[in-house]
Amino acid sequence: MKLHAVCCVLVLSGCATATSPGASVGASVAQGARSHEEILPEPVRLESTAGTFLVHPNNARDFSRLLAGEPTQNQYISISDVP
């Protein structure tokens, strides 16, 4: 029984460390993702009595309306609202 367990562990550890053929493709995708990160705009800093928020520029106007208590088209929730 112990020999069987040792063989299983060795096979599973070999599978976990083996490189797959798609590993080089994944690396090129990761490199492409890194180049897209450089293009992203800087976040907008919104300050309120609740704190300072870094928001994507596309959401800055809507989020500032939310902080002011005005209705918005998007629904925003806080972590404390999640059950």
N, C-alpha and C. Protein backbone atom coordinates (compact mmCIF):
# COMPACT_ATOMS: atom_id res chain seq x y z
N MET A 1 0.83 -1.20 0.00
CA MET A 1 0.00 0.00 0.00
C MET A 1 0.87 1.26 0.00
N LYS A 2 1.95 1.23 0.79
CA LYS A 2 2.82 2.40 0.84
C LYS A 2 3.52 2.60 -0.50
N LEU A 3 3.89 1.53 -1.16
CA LEU A 3 4.55 1.64 -2.45
C LEU A 3 3.61 2.26 -3.48
N HIS A 4 2.35 1.85 -3.43
CA HIS A 4 1.35 2.41 -4.34
C HIS A 4 1.18 3.91 -4.09
N ALA A 5 1.13 4.32 -2.85
CA ALA A 5 0.98 5.74 -2.51
C ALA A 5 2.20 6.54 -2.97
N VAL A 6 3.39 6.00 -2.79
CA VAL A 6 4.61 6.68 -3.20
C VAL A 6 4.65 6.83 -4.72
N CYS A 7 4.24 5.79 -5.44
CA CYS A 7 4.21 5.86 -6.91
C CYS A 7 3.22 6.92 -7.38
N CYS A 8 2.06 6.98 -6.74
CA CYS A 8 1.07 7.99 -7.11
C CYS A 8 1.60 9.40 -6.88
N VAL A 9 2.27 9.61 -5.77
CA VAL A 9 2.82 10.92 -5.47
C VAL A 9 3.89 11.31 -6.49
N LEU A 10 4.74 10.36 -6.87
CA LEU A 10 5.78 10.63 -7.85
C LEU A 10 5.18 10.97 -9.22
N VAL A 11 4.15 10.24 -9.62
CA VAL A 11 3.52 10.50 -10.92
C VAL A 11 2.85 11.86 -10.90
N LEU A 12 2.12 12.18 -9.83
CA LEU A 12 1.44 13.46 -9.74
C LEU A 12 2.43 14.63 -9.69
N SER A 13 3.53 14.44 -8.99
CA SER A 13 4.51 15.52 -8.93
C SER A 13 5.20 15.69 -10.29
N GLY A 14 5.38 14.60 -11.02
CA GLY A 14 5.94 14.70 -12.37
C GLY A 14 5.00 15.43 -13.31
N CYS A 15 3.71 15.18 -13.18
CA CYS A 15 2.73 15.87 -14.02
C CYS A 15 2.66 17.36 -13.68
N ALA A 16 2.84 17.67 -12.43
CA ALA A 16 2.74 19.06 -12.00
C ALA A 16 3.93 19.88 -12.48
N THR A 17 5.08 19.24 -12.64
CA THR A 17 6.27 19.99 -13.03
C THR A 17 6.54 19.93 -14.53
N ALA A 18 5.83 19.09 -15.26
CA ALA A 18 6.05 18.98 -16.71
C ALA A 18 5.51 20.23 -17.41
N THR A 19 6.25 20.68 -18.42
CA THR A 19 5.79 21.84 -19.18
C THR A 19 4.87 21.37 -20.30
N SER A 20 3.84 22.11 -20.54
CA SER A 20 2.90 21.77 -21.59
C SER A 20 3.32 22.45 -22.88
N PRO A 21 2.87 21.95 -24.04
CA PRO A 21 3.22 22.60 -25.30
C PRO A 21 2.66 24.02 -25.40
N GLY A 22 1.58 24.31 -24.72
CA GLY A 22 0.99 25.64 -24.77
C GLY A 22 1.67 26.64 -23.85
N ALA A 23 2.71 26.22 -23.13
CA ALA A 23 3.37 27.12 -22.19
C ALA A 23 4.04 28.29 -22.90
N SER A 24 4.62 28.03 -24.06
CA SER A 24 5.25 29.13 -24.79
C SER A 24 4.20 30.08 -25.36
N VAL A 25 3.04 29.55 -25.73
CA VAL A 25 1.96 30.40 -26.21
C VAL A 25 1.46 31.27 -25.08
N GLY A 26 1.32 30.70 -23.88
CA GLY A 26 0.88 31.46 -22.72
C GLY A 26 1.85 32.57 -22.38
N ALA A 27 3.13 32.32 -22.57
CA ALA A 27 4.13 33.34 -22.28
C ALA A 27 4.00 34.50 -23.26
N SER A 28 3.71 34.19 -24.52
CA SER A 28 3.57 35.28 -25.48
C SER A 28 2.31 36.07 -25.22
N VAL A 29 1.25 35.40 -24.75
CA VAL A 29 0.02 36.11 -24.39
C VAL A 29 0.27 37.01 -23.19
N ALA A 30 1.03 36.52 -22.23
CA ALA A 30 1.35 37.33 -21.05
C ALA A 30 2.18 38.54 -21.46
N GLN A 31 3.09 38.36 -22.40
CA GLN A 31 3.89 39.49 -22.88
C GLN A 31 3.00 40.51 -23.57
N GLY A 32 2.01 40.03 -24.36
CA GLY A 32 1.08 40.93 -25.02
C GLY A 32 0.22 41.67 -24.02
N ALA A 33 -0.17 41.00 -22.95
CA ALA A 33 -0.98 41.65 -21.92
C ALA A 33 -0.17 42.75 -21.23
N ARG A 34 1.11 42.50 -21.02
CA ARG A 34 1.95 43.52 -20.38
C ARG A 34 2.07 44.76 -21.26
N SER A 35 2.13 44.56 -22.57
CA SER A 35 2.25 45.72 -23.45
C SER A 35 0.95 46.52 -23.47
N HIS A 36 -0.21 45.86 -23.26
CA HIS A 36 -1.48 46.58 -23.20
C HIS A 36 -1.61 47.38 -21.91
N GLU A 37 -0.97 46.91 -20.84
CA GLU A 37 -1.03 47.63 -19.57
C GLU A 37 -0.36 49.00 -19.69
N GLU A 38 0.62 49.11 -20.54
CA GLU A 38 1.33 50.37 -20.70
C GLU A 38 0.44 51.41 -21.38
N ILE A 39 -0.56 50.97 -22.13
CA ILE A 39 -1.43 51.87 -22.87
C ILE A 39 -2.57 52.39 -21.99
N LEU A 40 -2.89 51.71 -20.92
CA LEU A 40 -4.02 52.09 -20.08
C LEU A 40 -3.81 53.48 -19.48
N PRO A 41 -4.88 54.27 -19.41
CA PRO A 41 -4.75 55.61 -18.82
C PRO A 41 -4.60 55.54 -17.30
N GLU A 42 -4.06 56.58 -16.75
CA GLU A 42 -3.87 56.66 -15.30
C GLU A 42 -5.22 56.80 -14.61
N PRO A 43 -5.37 56.20 -13.42
CA PRO A 43 -6.64 56.35 -12.70
C PRO A 43 -6.84 57.77 -12.20
N VAL A 44 -8.10 58.14 -12.06
CA VAL A 44 -8.47 59.47 -11.58
C VAL A 44 -8.68 59.38 -10.07
N ARG A 45 -8.14 60.34 -9.32
CA ARG A 45 -8.28 60.35 -7.87
C ARG A 45 -9.49 61.19 -7.49
N LEU A 46 -10.45 60.55 -6.80
CA LEU A 46 -11.63 61.25 -6.31
C LEU A 46 -11.57 61.28 -4.79
N GLU A 47 -11.67 62.45 -4.20
CA GLU A 47 -11.62 62.58 -2.75
C GLU A 47 -12.99 62.96 -2.23
N SER A 48 -13.38 62.33 -1.14
CA SER A 48 -14.66 62.62 -0.50
C SER A 48 -14.50 62.48 1.00
N THR A 49 -15.57 62.71 1.73
CA THR A 49 -15.50 62.55 3.19
C THR A 49 -15.35 61.08 3.56
N ALA A 50 -15.74 60.18 2.66
CA ALA A 50 -15.61 58.74 2.92
C ALA A 50 -14.19 58.24 2.67
N GLY A 51 -13.39 59.01 1.97
CA GLY A 51 -12.02 58.61 1.68
C GLY A 51 -11.61 59.01 0.29
N THR A 52 -10.48 58.48 -0.14
CA THR A 52 -9.95 58.76 -1.47
C THR A 52 -10.11 57.50 -2.32
N PHE A 53 -10.59 57.67 -3.54
CA PHE A 53 -10.83 56.56 -4.43
C PHE A 53 -10.06 56.77 -5.72
N LEU A 54 -9.45 55.69 -6.23
CA LEU A 54 -8.82 55.72 -7.54
C LEU A 54 -9.78 55.04 -8.50
N VAL A 55 -10.20 55.77 -9.53
CA VAL A 55 -11.25 55.30 -10.43
C VAL A 55 -10.74 55.38 -11.87
N HIS A 56 -11.17 54.44 -12.69
CA HIS A 56 -10.84 54.48 -14.12
C HIS A 56 -11.45 55.74 -14.72
N PRO A 57 -10.76 56.41 -15.62
CA PRO A 57 -11.28 57.66 -16.19
C PRO A 57 -12.66 57.53 -16.84
N ASN A 58 -12.99 56.36 -17.38
CA ASN A 58 -14.30 56.16 -17.98
C ASN A 58 -15.42 56.20 -16.94
N ASN A 59 -15.11 55.87 -15.69
CA ASN A 59 -16.12 55.81 -14.63
C ASN A 59 -16.06 57.00 -13.68
N ALA A 60 -15.17 57.93 -13.91
CA ALA A 60 -14.94 59.01 -12.94
C ALA A 60 -16.17 59.88 -12.75
N ARG A 61 -16.81 60.30 -13.83
CA ARG A 61 -17.97 61.19 -13.69
C ARG A 61 -19.13 60.48 -13.01
N ASP A 62 -19.38 59.22 -13.40
CA ASP A 62 -20.48 58.46 -12.81
C ASP A 62 -20.21 58.20 -11.32
N PHE A 63 -18.96 57.87 -10.98
CA PHE A 63 -18.63 57.58 -9.59
C PHE A 63 -18.68 58.84 -8.73
N SER A 64 -18.30 59.98 -9.29
CA SER A 64 -18.39 61.22 -8.51
C SER A 64 -19.85 61.58 -8.25
N ARG A 65 -20.74 61.28 -9.20
CA ARG A 65 -22.17 61.48 -8.97
C ARG A 65 -22.67 60.56 -7.86
N LEU A 66 -22.16 59.33 -7.83
CA LEU A 66 -22.54 58.37 -6.79
C LEU A 66 -22.10 58.87 -5.42
N LEU A 67 -20.87 59.39 -5.34
CA LEU A 67 -20.38 59.91 -4.06
C LEU A 67 -21.18 61.13 -3.60
N ALA A 68 -21.73 61.88 -4.54
CA ALA A 68 -22.53 63.06 -4.20
C ALA A 68 -23.97 62.67 -3.82
N GLY A 69 -24.32 61.39 -4.00
CA GLY A 69 -25.66 60.94 -3.64
C GLY A 69 -26.67 61.04 -4.78
N GLU A 70 -26.20 61.31 -5.98
CA GLU A 70 -27.08 61.42 -7.13
C GLU A 70 -27.28 60.03 -7.75
N PRO A 71 -28.39 59.80 -8.44
CA PRO A 71 -28.60 58.50 -9.09
C PRO A 71 -27.64 58.31 -10.27
N THR A 72 -27.25 57.07 -10.51
CA THR A 72 -26.34 56.75 -11.60
C THR A 72 -26.93 55.63 -12.45
N GLN A 73 -26.40 55.47 -13.66
CA GLN A 73 -26.85 54.39 -14.52
C GLN A 73 -26.27 53.06 -14.08
N ASN A 74 -25.05 53.05 -13.58
CA ASN A 74 -24.40 51.82 -13.12
C ASN A 74 -24.67 51.60 -11.65
N GLN A 75 -24.71 50.33 -11.26
CA GLN A 75 -24.90 50.00 -9.85
C GLN A 75 -23.54 49.68 -9.25
N TYR A 76 -23.19 50.35 -8.18
CA TYR A 76 -21.94 50.12 -7.49
C TYR A 76 -22.26 49.56 -6.10
N ILE A 77 -21.47 48.56 -5.67
CA ILE A 77 -21.64 48.00 -4.34
C ILE A 77 -20.30 48.03 -3.63
N SER A 78 -20.36 48.06 -2.32
CA SER A 78 -19.12 48.00 -1.54
C SER A 78 -18.92 46.57 -1.07
N ILE A 79 -17.75 46.29 -0.60
CA ILE A 79 -17.44 44.94 -0.12
C ILE A 79 -18.33 44.60 1.06
N SER A 80 -18.70 45.56 1.86
CA SER A 80 -19.53 45.29 3.02
C SER A 80 -20.98 44.95 2.61
N ASP A 81 -21.39 45.27 1.35
CA ASP A 81 -22.72 44.94 0.89
C ASP A 81 -22.85 43.49 0.43
N VAL A 82 -21.72 42.83 0.16
CA VAL A 82 -21.74 41.45 -0.33
C VAL A 82 -22.00 40.51 0.85
N PRO A 83 -22.94 39.58 0.70
CA PRO A 83 -23.23 38.68 1.83
C PRO A 83 -22.10 37.75 2.16
